[in-house]
Amino acid sequence: MSTEPASMATATPGPANRTSRRIRVLLVVVAAALAATDLILKAVAEAVLATGATNDVGPINIRLVFNRGVAFSMGAGLPSWAVIAGTGVILAALLWFLLAAAPRMSLLSRAGAVLLLGGAVGNFIDRLDGQGVVDYLHTGWFPTFNLADVFVTTGVAVLILGAVLSPRPRTED
């Protein structure tokens, strides 16, 4: 028999709880590293391209653009506080969902979740100064974008692919 009070026995995390916590912590840490990488590249783009300079790198043109809206500049005419508040609410809901679902996700879906969260956090932090998100990659046929946008787009695709390809649990009839 255990001499621990019942409340202590239930408070001690088991192996499944420790694994779930590790998965969640890893998701947040890697997403933060991706967001930091994005923000560093945006700072470099601002510093190098502030004079209006552009650089052609194969099919990509590097130029500085500030997106005061959200995807494809939607909502650019709204006050910056409204765009920040709206994206903040969406980011909080996304974070809550991904942290709750991550332990049950396939590895591929978790990779997509990390990319999605890292890109979303990078763009959200960049937006906080009220100047809009720094975009610097331009193709000529698509709106100007940044590394965080690549993370978000790729993350959504990988998250969905992981969900579609993950084996379904068998149901007993």
N, C-alpha and C. Protein backbone atom coordinates (compact mmCIF):
# COMPACT_ATOMS: atom_id res chain seq x y z
N MET A 1 0.84 -1.18 0.00
CA MET A 1 0.00 0.00 0.00
C MET A 1 0.88 1.24 0.00
N SER A 2 0.39 2.24 -0.67
CA SER A 2 1.11 3.50 -0.75
C SER A 2 0.79 4.36 0.47
N THR A 3 1.82 5.06 0.94
CA THR A 3 1.61 5.98 2.06
C THR A 3 1.33 7.40 1.59
N GLU A 4 1.34 7.62 0.27
CA GLU A 4 1.05 8.94 -0.27
C GLU A 4 -0.43 9.24 -0.19
N PRO A 5 -0.77 10.51 0.04
CA PRO A 5 -2.19 10.86 -0.02
C PRO A 5 -2.70 10.64 -1.45
N ALA A 6 -3.97 10.39 -1.57
CA ALA A 6 -4.57 10.13 -2.88
C ALA A 6 -4.34 11.29 -3.84
N SER A 7 -4.37 12.53 -3.34
CA SER A 7 -4.17 13.68 -4.23
C SER A 7 -2.77 13.69 -4.81
N MET A 8 -1.76 13.25 -4.07
CA MET A 8 -0.40 13.19 -4.57
C MET A 8 -0.26 12.12 -5.64
N ALA A 9 -0.92 11.00 -5.45
CA ALA A 9 -0.80 9.91 -6.41
C ALA A 9 -1.39 10.31 -7.76
N THR A 10 -2.48 11.05 -7.77
CA THR A 10 -3.09 11.45 -9.04
C THR A 10 -2.37 12.62 -9.67
N ALA A 11 -1.64 13.42 -8.88
CA ALA A 11 -0.94 14.58 -9.42
C ALA A 11 0.35 14.17 -10.11
N THR A 12 0.90 13.02 -9.78
CA THR A 12 2.13 12.56 -10.39
C THR A 12 1.87 12.15 -11.83
N PRO A 13 2.56 12.80 -12.76
CA PRO A 13 2.31 12.47 -14.16
C PRO A 13 2.83 11.08 -14.52
N GLY A 14 2.05 10.37 -15.28
CA GLY A 14 2.47 9.07 -15.76
C GLY A 14 3.25 9.22 -17.05
N PRO A 15 3.72 8.12 -17.60
CA PRO A 15 4.50 8.17 -18.84
C PRO A 15 3.73 8.83 -19.99
N ALA A 16 2.44 8.58 -20.10
CA ALA A 16 1.65 9.18 -21.19
C ALA A 16 1.57 10.69 -21.03
N ASN A 17 1.41 11.16 -19.80
CA ASN A 17 1.35 12.60 -19.56
C ASN A 17 2.69 13.26 -19.83
N ARG A 18 3.78 12.61 -19.46
CA ARG A 18 5.11 13.16 -19.72
C ARG A 18 5.37 13.23 -21.22
N THR A 19 4.96 12.21 -21.94
CA THR A 19 5.13 12.20 -23.40
C THR A 19 4.31 13.32 -24.04
N SER A 20 3.07 13.47 -23.61
CA SER A 20 2.22 14.54 -24.15
C SER A 20 2.84 15.91 -23.87
N ARG A 21 3.35 16.08 -22.67
CA ARG A 21 3.97 17.36 -22.32
C ARG A 21 5.21 17.61 -23.17
N ARG A 22 6.03 16.58 -23.36
CA ARG A 22 7.23 16.72 -24.21
C ARG A 22 6.86 17.10 -25.62
N ILE A 23 5.83 16.47 -26.16
CA ILE A 23 5.38 16.78 -27.52
C ILE A 23 4.96 18.24 -27.60
N ARG A 24 4.20 18.69 -26.63
CA ARG A 24 3.71 20.08 -26.63
C ARG A 24 4.87 21.07 -26.49
N VAL A 25 5.79 20.78 -25.59
CA VAL A 25 6.93 21.68 -25.39
C VAL A 25 7.78 21.73 -26.66
N LEU A 26 8.02 20.59 -27.27
CA LEU A 26 8.81 20.56 -28.49
C LEU A 26 8.12 21.35 -29.61
N LEU A 27 6.82 21.22 -29.71
CA LEU A 27 6.06 21.97 -30.72
C LEU A 27 6.26 23.46 -30.52
N VAL A 28 6.14 23.93 -29.29
CA VAL A 28 6.29 25.36 -29.00
C VAL A 28 7.73 25.83 -29.22
N VAL A 29 8.70 25.05 -28.79
CA VAL A 29 10.11 25.45 -28.93
C VAL A 29 10.52 25.53 -30.40
N VAL A 30 10.17 24.53 -31.19
CA VAL A 30 10.54 24.54 -32.60
C VAL A 30 9.78 25.66 -33.33
N ALA A 31 8.52 25.85 -33.01
CA ALA A 31 7.75 26.94 -33.63
C ALA A 31 8.37 28.29 -33.29
N ALA A 32 8.83 28.45 -32.05
CA ALA A 32 9.48 29.71 -31.65
C ALA A 32 10.79 29.91 -32.43
N ALA A 33 11.54 28.84 -32.65
CA ALA A 33 12.78 28.94 -33.43
C ALA A 33 12.48 29.33 -34.88
N LEU A 34 11.42 28.77 -35.46
CA LEU A 34 11.03 29.14 -36.83
C LEU A 34 10.59 30.60 -36.88
N ALA A 35 9.82 31.04 -35.89
CA ALA A 35 9.37 32.43 -35.84
C ALA A 35 10.57 33.37 -35.71
N ALA A 36 11.54 32.99 -34.88
CA ALA A 36 12.75 33.81 -34.71
C ALA A 36 13.53 33.91 -36.01
N THR A 37 13.66 32.80 -36.72
CA THR A 37 14.35 32.81 -38.01
C THR A 37 13.64 33.75 -38.99
N ASP A 38 12.32 33.67 -39.03
CA ASP A 38 11.54 34.55 -39.90
C ASP A 38 11.76 36.01 -39.53
N LEU A 39 11.71 36.33 -38.24
CA LEU A 39 11.86 37.72 -37.81
C LEU A 39 13.26 38.26 -38.10
N ILE A 40 14.27 37.41 -37.99
CA ILE A 40 15.64 37.83 -38.32
C ILE A 40 15.73 38.15 -39.81
N LEU A 41 15.17 37.29 -40.66
CA LEU A 41 15.20 37.55 -42.10
C LEU A 41 14.43 38.82 -42.46
N LYS A 42 13.33 39.08 -41.78
CA LYS A 42 12.56 40.31 -42.03
C LYS A 42 13.39 41.53 -41.64
N ALA A 43 14.11 41.47 -40.52
CA ALA A 43 14.96 42.59 -40.09
C ALA A 43 16.07 42.83 -41.10
N VAL A 44 16.66 41.76 -41.60
CA VAL A 44 17.71 41.89 -42.62
C VAL A 44 17.12 42.50 -43.89
N ALA A 45 15.96 42.02 -44.31
CA ALA A 45 15.31 42.56 -45.51
C ALA A 45 15.03 44.05 -45.35
N GLU A 46 14.53 44.43 -44.19
CA GLU A 46 14.26 45.86 -43.94
C GLU A 46 15.54 46.68 -44.00
N ALA A 47 16.60 46.19 -43.39
CA ALA A 47 17.86 46.93 -43.36
C ALA A 47 18.48 47.06 -44.75
N VAL A 48 18.45 45.98 -45.51
CA VAL A 48 19.11 45.96 -46.81
C VAL A 48 18.27 46.64 -47.90
N LEU A 49 16.96 46.52 -47.79
CA LEU A 49 16.09 47.01 -48.87
C LEU A 49 15.38 48.32 -48.54
N ALA A 50 15.74 48.97 -47.44
CA ALA A 50 15.06 50.20 -47.01
C ALA A 50 15.18 51.33 -48.02
N THR A 51 16.21 51.32 -48.84
CA THR A 51 16.41 52.39 -49.82
C THR A 51 15.58 52.17 -51.09
N GLY A 52 14.83 51.09 -51.13
CA GLY A 52 14.04 50.80 -52.32
C GLY A 52 14.76 49.88 -53.30
N ALA A 53 15.91 49.39 -52.91
CA ALA A 53 16.68 48.49 -53.76
C ALA A 53 15.91 47.19 -53.98
N THR A 54 16.12 46.57 -55.12
CA THR A 54 15.57 45.25 -55.40
C THR A 54 16.69 44.38 -55.93
N ASN A 55 16.55 43.09 -55.73
CA ASN A 55 17.54 42.13 -56.22
C ASN A 55 16.81 40.98 -56.89
N ASP A 56 17.28 40.61 -58.07
CA ASP A 56 16.72 39.44 -58.75
C ASP A 56 17.54 38.21 -58.41
N VAL A 57 16.85 37.19 -57.95
CA VAL A 57 17.48 35.92 -57.62
C VAL A 57 16.70 34.85 -58.37
N GLY A 58 17.08 34.61 -59.60
CA GLY A 58 16.34 33.64 -60.43
C GLY A 58 14.92 34.13 -60.64
N PRO A 59 13.94 33.27 -60.37
CA PRO A 59 12.56 33.66 -60.60
C PRO A 59 11.98 34.54 -59.49
N ILE A 60 12.75 34.78 -58.44
CA ILE A 60 12.29 35.58 -57.30
C ILE A 60 12.95 36.95 -57.33
N ASN A 61 12.15 37.97 -57.09
CA ASN A 61 12.64 39.33 -56.96
C ASN A 61 12.55 39.68 -55.48
N ILE A 62 13.65 40.16 -54.91
CA ILE A 62 13.68 40.54 -53.50
C ILE A 62 13.39 42.04 -53.43
N ARG A 63 12.28 42.39 -52.78
CA ARG A 63 11.89 43.80 -52.63
C ARG A 63 11.14 43.95 -51.32
N LEU A 64 11.15 45.17 -50.79
CA LEU A 64 10.52 45.43 -49.50
C LEU A 64 9.10 45.95 -49.69
N VAL A 65 8.15 45.25 -49.06
CA VAL A 65 6.74 45.65 -49.09
C VAL A 65 6.19 45.45 -47.69
N PHE A 66 5.34 46.37 -47.25
CA PHE A 66 4.67 46.23 -45.95
C PHE A 66 3.20 45.89 -46.20
N ASN A 67 2.77 44.76 -45.68
CA ASN A 67 1.39 44.31 -45.82
C ASN A 67 0.64 44.68 -44.55
N ARG A 68 -0.22 45.68 -44.63
CA ARG A 68 -0.96 46.14 -43.45
C ARG A 68 -2.23 45.32 -43.21
N GLY A 69 -2.58 44.46 -44.14
CA GLY A 69 -3.74 43.60 -43.97
C GLY A 69 -3.31 42.20 -43.57
N VAL A 70 -4.13 41.25 -43.96
CA VAL A 70 -3.78 39.85 -43.71
C VAL A 70 -3.50 39.21 -45.07
N ALA A 71 -3.83 37.96 -45.26
CA ALA A 71 -3.52 37.26 -46.51
C ALA A 71 -3.98 38.07 -47.72
N PHE A 72 -3.08 38.23 -48.67
CA PHE A 72 -3.35 38.96 -49.91
C PHE A 72 -3.81 40.39 -49.64
N SER A 73 -3.35 40.98 -48.54
CA SER A 73 -3.66 42.36 -48.13
C SER A 73 -5.13 42.61 -47.80
N MET A 74 -5.89 41.54 -47.60
CA MET A 74 -7.29 41.74 -47.20
C MET A 74 -7.33 42.46 -45.86
N GLY A 75 -8.19 43.43 -45.73
CA GLY A 75 -8.32 44.18 -44.49
C GLY A 75 -7.27 45.25 -44.31
N ALA A 76 -6.54 45.60 -45.36
CA ALA A 76 -5.48 46.60 -45.25
C ALA A 76 -6.02 47.97 -44.85
N GLY A 77 -7.28 48.23 -45.13
CA GLY A 77 -7.87 49.52 -44.78
C GLY A 77 -8.36 49.59 -43.35
N LEU A 78 -8.36 48.49 -42.64
CA LEU A 78 -8.81 48.48 -41.25
C LEU A 78 -7.75 49.11 -40.35
N PRO A 79 -8.17 49.63 -39.18
CA PRO A 79 -7.16 50.13 -38.23
C PRO A 79 -6.23 49.00 -37.82
N SER A 80 -4.97 49.33 -37.58
CA SER A 80 -3.99 48.29 -37.25
C SER A 80 -4.38 47.53 -35.99
N TRP A 81 -4.99 48.21 -35.01
CA TRP A 81 -5.39 47.51 -33.78
C TRP A 81 -6.41 46.42 -34.07
N ALA A 82 -7.29 46.64 -35.06
CA ALA A 82 -8.32 45.65 -35.39
C ALA A 82 -7.68 44.42 -36.04
N VAL A 83 -6.71 44.65 -36.92
CA VAL A 83 -6.02 43.53 -37.58
C VAL A 83 -5.21 42.75 -36.55
N ILE A 84 -4.54 43.48 -35.63
CA ILE A 84 -3.74 42.82 -34.59
C ILE A 84 -4.65 42.02 -33.67
N ALA A 85 -5.76 42.61 -33.25
CA ALA A 85 -6.69 41.90 -32.34
C ALA A 85 -7.28 40.67 -33.02
N GLY A 86 -7.70 40.82 -34.27
CA GLY A 86 -8.29 39.69 -35.00
C GLY A 86 -7.30 38.55 -35.19
N THR A 87 -6.09 38.89 -35.60
CA THR A 87 -5.09 37.83 -35.79
C THR A 87 -4.65 37.24 -34.46
N GLY A 88 -4.66 38.06 -33.39
CA GLY A 88 -4.33 37.55 -32.07
C GLY A 88 -5.33 36.51 -31.59
N VAL A 89 -6.61 36.78 -31.82
CA VAL A 89 -7.65 35.82 -31.43
C VAL A 89 -7.50 34.53 -32.23
N ILE A 90 -7.27 34.66 -33.52
CA ILE A 90 -7.10 33.47 -34.38
C ILE A 90 -5.86 32.69 -33.94
N LEU A 91 -4.77 33.39 -33.64
CA LEU A 91 -3.54 32.72 -33.20
C LEU A 91 -3.75 32.00 -31.87
N ALA A 92 -4.45 32.63 -30.95
CA ALA A 92 -4.72 31.99 -29.65
C ALA A 92 -5.55 30.72 -29.83
N ALA A 93 -6.56 30.77 -30.69
CA ALA A 93 -7.39 29.59 -30.95
C ALA A 93 -6.56 28.49 -31.63
N LEU A 94 -5.71 28.89 -32.57
CA LEU A 94 -4.84 27.93 -33.26
C LEU A 94 -3.89 27.27 -32.26
N LEU A 95 -3.29 28.07 -31.40
CA LEU A 95 -2.37 27.53 -30.41
C LEU A 95 -3.08 26.55 -29.48
N TRP A 96 -4.25 26.92 -29.00
CA TRP A 96 -5.02 26.05 -28.13
C TRP A 96 -5.33 24.73 -28.83
N PHE A 97 -5.81 24.79 -30.07
CA PHE A 97 -6.16 23.57 -30.80
C PHE A 97 -4.93 22.70 -31.02
N LEU A 98 -3.84 23.28 -31.50
CA LEU A 98 -2.65 22.49 -31.81
C LEU A 98 -2.04 21.86 -30.57
N LEU A 99 -2.02 22.59 -29.46
CA LEU A 99 -1.47 22.02 -28.23
C LEU A 99 -2.36 20.89 -27.70
N ALA A 100 -3.67 21.04 -27.85
CA ALA A 100 -4.58 19.99 -27.40
C ALA A 100 -4.48 18.75 -28.28
N ALA A 101 -4.34 18.95 -29.58
CA ALA A 101 -4.37 17.84 -30.53
C ALA A 101 -3.01 17.20 -30.79
N ALA A 102 -1.93 17.91 -30.54
CA ALA A 102 -0.59 17.43 -30.91
C ALA A 102 -0.25 16.02 -30.43
N PRO A 103 -0.55 15.65 -29.18
CA PRO A 103 -0.18 14.30 -28.74
C PRO A 103 -0.87 13.18 -29.54
N ARG A 104 -2.01 13.46 -30.13
CA ARG A 104 -2.74 12.44 -30.89
C ARG A 104 -2.43 12.52 -32.39
N MET A 105 -1.66 13.51 -32.81
CA MET A 105 -1.35 13.68 -34.23
C MET A 105 -0.25 12.73 -34.67
N SER A 106 -0.24 12.45 -35.97
CA SER A 106 0.88 11.70 -36.55
C SER A 106 2.10 12.61 -36.56
N LEU A 107 3.27 12.04 -36.73
CA LEU A 107 4.50 12.82 -36.79
C LEU A 107 4.44 13.83 -37.93
N LEU A 108 3.90 13.42 -39.07
CA LEU A 108 3.78 14.32 -40.22
C LEU A 108 2.85 15.49 -39.89
N SER A 109 1.74 15.23 -39.25
CA SER A 109 0.83 16.31 -38.86
C SER A 109 1.48 17.25 -37.85
N ARG A 110 2.26 16.70 -36.93
CA ARG A 110 2.96 17.55 -35.97
C ARG A 110 3.96 18.46 -36.66
N ALA A 111 4.65 17.92 -37.68
CA ALA A 111 5.58 18.75 -38.45
C ALA A 111 4.83 19.90 -39.12
N GLY A 112 3.67 19.61 -39.68
CA GLY A 112 2.85 20.66 -40.28
C GLY A 112 2.39 21.67 -39.24
N ALA A 113 2.01 21.18 -38.06
CA ALA A 113 1.56 22.07 -36.99
C ALA A 113 2.68 23.01 -36.56
N VAL A 114 3.90 22.50 -36.47
CA VAL A 114 5.05 23.33 -36.08
C VAL A 114 5.28 24.42 -37.12
N LEU A 115 5.25 24.06 -38.40
CA LEU A 115 5.45 25.06 -39.45
C LEU A 115 4.34 26.11 -39.42
N LEU A 116 3.11 25.66 -39.31
CA LEU A 116 1.97 26.57 -39.28
C LEU A 116 2.08 27.53 -38.09
N LEU A 117 2.34 27.00 -36.92
CA LEU A 117 2.43 27.83 -35.73
C LEU A 117 3.63 28.79 -35.80
N GLY A 118 4.77 28.30 -36.25
CA GLY A 118 5.95 29.16 -36.36
C GLY A 118 5.72 30.33 -37.31
N GLY A 119 5.11 30.06 -38.45
CA GLY A 119 4.82 31.14 -39.40
C GLY A 119 3.80 32.11 -38.87
N ALA A 120 2.75 31.59 -38.23
CA ALA A 120 1.70 32.45 -37.69
C ALA A 120 2.26 33.36 -36.59
N VAL A 121 3.10 32.81 -35.72
CA VAL A 121 3.70 33.61 -34.65
C VAL A 121 4.64 34.66 -35.23
N GLY A 122 5.46 34.28 -36.21
CA GLY A 122 6.37 35.23 -36.84
C GLY A 122 5.64 36.42 -37.43
N ASN A 123 4.58 36.15 -38.18
CA ASN A 123 3.81 37.24 -38.78
C ASN A 123 3.08 38.06 -37.72
N PHE A 124 2.57 37.41 -36.67
CA PHE A 124 1.86 38.14 -35.62
C PHE A 124 2.80 39.10 -34.90
N ILE A 125 3.97 38.62 -34.51
CA ILE A 125 4.94 39.48 -33.81
C ILE A 125 5.34 40.65 -34.71
N ASP A 126 5.57 40.36 -35.99
CA ASP A 126 5.96 41.41 -36.93
C ASP A 126 4.87 42.47 -37.06
N ARG A 127 3.63 42.07 -36.93
CA ARG A 127 2.49 42.96 -37.08
C ARG A 127 2.32 43.91 -35.88
N LEU A 128 2.86 43.55 -34.73
CA LEU A 128 2.61 44.28 -33.48
C LEU A 128 3.06 45.74 -33.49
N ASP A 129 3.99 46.11 -34.35
CA ASP A 129 4.44 47.51 -34.38
C ASP A 129 3.46 48.43 -35.10
N GLY A 130 2.40 47.87 -35.69
CA GLY A 130 1.39 48.67 -36.37
C GLY A 130 1.75 49.05 -37.79
N GLN A 131 2.94 48.68 -38.24
CA GLN A 131 3.39 49.03 -39.60
C GLN A 131 3.02 47.97 -40.64
N GLY A 132 2.57 46.84 -40.18
CA GLY A 132 2.25 45.74 -41.08
C GLY A 132 3.35 44.71 -41.11
N VAL A 133 3.12 43.66 -41.85
CA VAL A 133 4.07 42.57 -41.95
C VAL A 133 5.06 42.86 -43.08
N VAL A 134 6.33 42.60 -42.82
CA VAL A 134 7.37 42.79 -43.84
C VAL A 134 7.32 41.63 -44.81
N ASP A 135 7.08 41.94 -46.08
CA ASP A 135 7.14 40.95 -47.15
C ASP A 135 8.32 41.32 -48.05
N TYR A 136 8.98 40.32 -48.62
CA TYR A 136 10.18 40.62 -49.40
C TYR A 136 10.41 39.67 -50.59
N LEU A 137 9.61 38.64 -50.73
CA LEU A 137 9.77 37.70 -51.85
C LEU A 137 8.68 37.97 -52.88
N HIS A 138 9.08 38.28 -54.10
CA HIS A 138 8.12 38.62 -55.15
C HIS A 138 8.40 37.79 -56.40
N THR A 139 7.35 37.21 -56.96
CA THR A 139 7.51 36.38 -58.16
C THR A 139 7.05 37.06 -59.43
N GLY A 140 6.27 38.10 -59.32
CA GLY A 140 5.72 38.76 -60.50
C GLY A 140 4.33 38.26 -60.83
N TRP A 141 4.00 37.05 -60.46
CA TRP A 141 2.68 36.49 -60.74
C TRP A 141 1.90 36.19 -59.48
N PHE A 142 2.50 36.44 -58.30
CA PHE A 142 1.87 36.14 -57.02
C PHE A 142 2.17 37.31 -56.08
N PRO A 143 1.27 37.62 -55.15
CA PRO A 143 1.57 38.72 -54.21
C PRO A 143 2.88 38.48 -53.46
N THR A 144 3.51 39.58 -53.08
CA THR A 144 4.77 39.51 -52.34
C THR A 144 4.53 38.83 -50.99
N PHE A 145 5.48 37.98 -50.57
CA PHE A 145 5.31 37.18 -49.36
C PHE A 145 6.62 37.09 -48.61
N ASN A 146 6.65 36.32 -47.52
CA ASN A 146 7.85 36.18 -46.69
C ASN A 146 8.00 34.72 -46.25
N LEU A 147 9.05 34.45 -45.48
CA LEU A 147 9.31 33.08 -45.03
C LEU A 147 8.18 32.56 -44.15
N ALA A 148 7.61 33.41 -43.30
CA ALA A 148 6.50 32.97 -42.44
C ALA A 148 5.32 32.50 -43.28
N ASP A 149 5.06 33.19 -44.39
CA ASP A 149 3.98 32.77 -45.29
C ASP A 149 4.26 31.40 -45.89
N VAL A 150 5.52 31.15 -46.20
CA VAL A 150 5.92 29.83 -46.71
C VAL A 150 5.69 28.78 -45.62
N PHE A 151 6.07 29.10 -44.38
CA PHE A 151 5.84 28.18 -43.26
C PHE A 151 4.35 27.87 -43.09
N VAL A 152 3.51 28.91 -43.12
CA VAL A 152 2.07 28.72 -42.92
C VAL A 152 1.48 27.86 -44.03
N THR A 153 1.78 28.20 -45.27
CA THR A 153 1.22 27.47 -46.40
C THR A 153 1.69 26.02 -46.41
N THR A 154 2.98 25.82 -46.24
CA THR A 154 3.52 24.46 -46.21
C THR A 154 2.99 23.70 -45.00
N GLY A 155 2.90 24.38 -43.87
CA GLY A 155 2.40 23.75 -42.65
C GLY A 155 0.98 23.25 -42.78
N VAL A 156 0.12 24.07 -43.38
CA VAL A 156 -1.27 23.64 -43.59
C VAL A 156 -1.32 22.41 -44.48
N ALA A 157 -0.55 22.44 -45.58
CA ALA A 157 -0.54 21.31 -46.51
C ALA A 157 -0.03 20.04 -45.82
N VAL A 158 1.05 20.15 -45.06
CA VAL A 158 1.63 18.98 -44.39
C VAL A 158 0.71 18.48 -43.26
N LEU A 159 0.09 19.40 -42.55
CA LEU A 159 -0.86 19.03 -41.49
C LEU A 159 -2.03 18.23 -42.07
N ILE A 160 -2.58 18.72 -43.16
CA ILE A 160 -3.69 18.02 -43.81
C ILE A 160 -3.23 16.68 -44.37
N LEU A 161 -2.07 16.67 -45.02
CA LEU A 161 -1.54 15.43 -45.58
C LEU A 161 -1.32 14.40 -44.47
N GLY A 162 -0.78 14.83 -43.36
CA GLY A 162 -0.57 13.92 -42.23
C GLY A 162 -1.87 13.37 -41.69
N ALA A 163 -2.91 14.21 -41.66
CA ALA A 163 -4.22 13.75 -41.17
C ALA A 163 -4.84 12.75 -42.14
N VAL A 164 -4.68 12.99 -43.43
CA VAL A 164 -5.26 12.10 -44.44
C VAL A 164 -4.53 10.76 -44.48
N LEU A 165 -3.21 10.81 -44.33
CA LEU A 165 -2.41 9.58 -44.44
C LEU A 165 -2.30 8.79 -43.14
N SER A 166 -2.70 9.39 -42.02
CA SER A 166 -2.52 8.68 -40.74
C SER A 166 -3.52 7.52 -40.68
N PRO A 167 -3.09 6.41 -40.12
CA PRO A 167 -3.99 5.26 -40.02
C PRO A 167 -5.15 5.58 -39.08
N ARG A 168 -6.30 5.13 -39.45
CA ARG A 168 -7.50 5.31 -38.64
C ARG A 168 -7.57 4.21 -37.59
N PRO A 169 -7.96 4.55 -36.37
CA PRO A 169 -8.13 3.48 -35.37
C PRO A 169 -9.27 2.56 -35.76
N ARG A 170 -9.07 1.29 -35.52
CA ARG A 170 -10.12 0.30 -35.84
C ARG A 170 -11.27 0.42 -34.84
N THR A 171 -12.45 0.29 -35.36
CA THR A 171 -13.60 0.25 -34.48
C THR A 171 -14.10 -1.18 -34.41
N GLU A 172 -14.39 -1.61 -33.24
CA GLU A 172 -14.87 -2.99 -33.06
C GLU A 172 -16.38 -2.99 -33.22
N ASP A 173 -16.91 -3.88 -34.05
CA ASP A 173 -18.35 -3.96 -34.26
C ASP A 173 -19.00 -4.89 -33.28
